[in-house]
Amino acid sequence: MTLTSPACPVAESLPMEVQEKIMQVEGISDVDLRVVFSPPWTKDKMSEEARFALDMF
């Protein structure tokens, strides 16, 4: 997964939350979650609904 930046305020907690949620999916028994910064995050990766909710147009 990619965070918005290395200084993201949830950089420590979000990966663990994502891993926990994925493990709750039926049929998933293991998760190898990696935080990467390549390719860099851009708002183009957000859905239109997310950009609207965060006023990021």
C-alpha atoms as a PDB file:
ATOM      1  CA  MET A   1       0.000   0.000   0.000  1.00  0.00           C
ATOM      2  CA  THR A   2       1.061   3.606  -0.495  1.00  0.00           C
ATOM      3  CA  LEU A   3       0.605   6.427   1.991  1.00  0.00           C
ATOM      4  CA  THR A   4       0.256  10.043   0.943  1.00  0.00           C
ATOM      5  CA  SER A   5       3.752  10.757   2.309  1.00  0.00           C
ATOM      6  CA  PRO A   6       6.300   9.317   4.746  1.00  0.00           C
ATOM      7  CA  ALA A   7       5.147  12.025   7.179  1.00  0.00           C
ATOM      8  CA  CYS A   8       1.507  10.895   6.969  1.00  0.00           C
ATOM      9  CA  PRO A   9      -0.008  11.286  10.462  1.00  0.00           C
ATOM     10  CA  VAL A  10      -1.405   7.732  10.381  1.00  0.00           C
ATOM     11  CA  ALA A  11       1.734   6.106   8.927  1.00  0.00           C
ATOM     12  CA  GLU A  12       2.176   3.933  12.014  1.00  0.00           C
ATOM     13  CA  SER A  13      -1.440   2.938  12.670  1.00  0.00           C
ATOM     14  CA  LEU A  14      -3.034   2.683   9.199  1.00  0.00           C
ATOM     15  CA  PRO A  15      -1.053  -0.300   7.855  1.00  0.00           C
ATOM     16  CA  MET A  16      -1.992  -2.357  10.919  1.00  0.00           C
ATOM     17  CA  GLU A  17      -5.648  -1.346  10.573  1.00  0.00           C
ATOM     18  CA  VAL A  18      -5.645  -2.341   6.902  1.00  0.00           C
ATOM     19  CA  GLN A  19      -4.038  -5.689   7.712  1.00  0.00           C
ATOM     20  CA  GLU A  20      -6.601  -6.383  10.453  1.00  0.00           C
ATOM     21  CA  LYS A  21      -9.507  -5.577   8.113  1.00  0.00           C
ATOM     22  CA  ILE A  22      -8.102  -7.777   5.336  1.00  0.00           C
ATOM     23  CA  MET A  23      -7.731 -10.677   7.786  1.00  0.00           C
ATOM     24  CA  GLN A  24     -11.467 -10.399   8.506  1.00  0.00           C
ATOM     25  CA  VAL A  25     -12.298 -11.263   4.884  1.00  0.00           C
ATOM     26  CA  GLU A  26     -13.523 -14.840   4.573  1.00  0.00           C
ATOM     27  CA  GLY A  27     -10.929 -17.051   2.938  1.00  0.00           C
ATOM     28  CA  ILE A  28      -7.954 -14.834   3.806  1.00  0.00           C
ATOM     29  CA  SER A  29      -5.509 -16.557   6.155  1.00  0.00           C
ATOM     30  CA  ASP A  30      -2.353 -14.451   5.724  1.00  0.00           C
ATOM     31  CA  VAL A  31      -1.467 -10.907   4.725  1.00  0.00           C
ATOM     32  CA  ASP A  32       1.938  -9.650   3.582  1.00  0.00           C
ATOM     33  CA  LEU A  33       1.354  -5.901   3.723  1.00  0.00           C
ATOM     34  CA  ARG A  34       4.124  -3.610   2.533  1.00  0.00           C
ATOM     35  CA  VAL A  35       4.206   0.169   2.612  1.00  0.00           C
ATOM     36  CA  VAL A  36       5.811   1.581  -0.524  1.00  0.00           C
ATOM     37  CA  PHE A  37       6.289   5.058  -1.971  1.00  0.00           C
ATOM     38  CA  SER A  38       6.758   4.069  -5.579  1.00  0.00           C
ATOM     39  CA  PRO A  39       4.768   4.984  -7.515  1.00  0.00           C
ATOM     40  CA  PRO A  40       4.155   8.148  -5.514  1.00  0.00           C
ATOM     41  CA  TRP A  41       0.644   8.822  -4.277  1.00  0.00           C
ATOM     42  CA  THR A  42      -1.439  11.396  -6.125  1.00  0.00           C
ATOM     43  CA  LYS A  43      -5.046  12.448  -5.701  1.00  0.00           C
ATOM     44  CA  ASP A  44      -5.735  10.724  -9.044  1.00  0.00           C
ATOM     45  CA  LYS A  45      -5.680   7.465  -7.059  1.00  0.00           C
ATOM     46  CA  MET A  46      -8.769   8.641  -5.147  1.00  0.00           C
ATOM     47  CA  SER A  47     -12.293   7.951  -6.285  1.00  0.00           C
ATOM     48  CA  GLU A  48     -14.408  10.917  -7.336  1.00  0.00           C
ATOM     49  CA  GLU A  49     -16.514  10.341  -4.208  1.00  0.00           C
ATOM     50  CA  ALA A  50     -13.434  10.523  -1.948  1.00  0.00           C
ATOM     51  CA  ARG A  51     -12.157  13.698  -3.631  1.00  0.00           C
ATOM     52  CA  PHE A  52     -15.602  15.267  -3.204  1.00  0.00           C
ATOM     53  CA  ALA A  53     -15.813  14.242   0.480  1.00  0.00           C
ATOM     54  CA  LEU A  54     -12.396  15.766   1.177  1.00  0.00           C
ATOM     55  CA  ASP A  55     -12.924  18.799  -1.099  1.00  0.00           C
ATOM     56  CA  MET A  56      -9.871  17.849  -3.188  1.00  0.00           C
ATOM     57  CA  PHE A  57     -10.974  18.840  -6.694  1.00  0.00           C
END
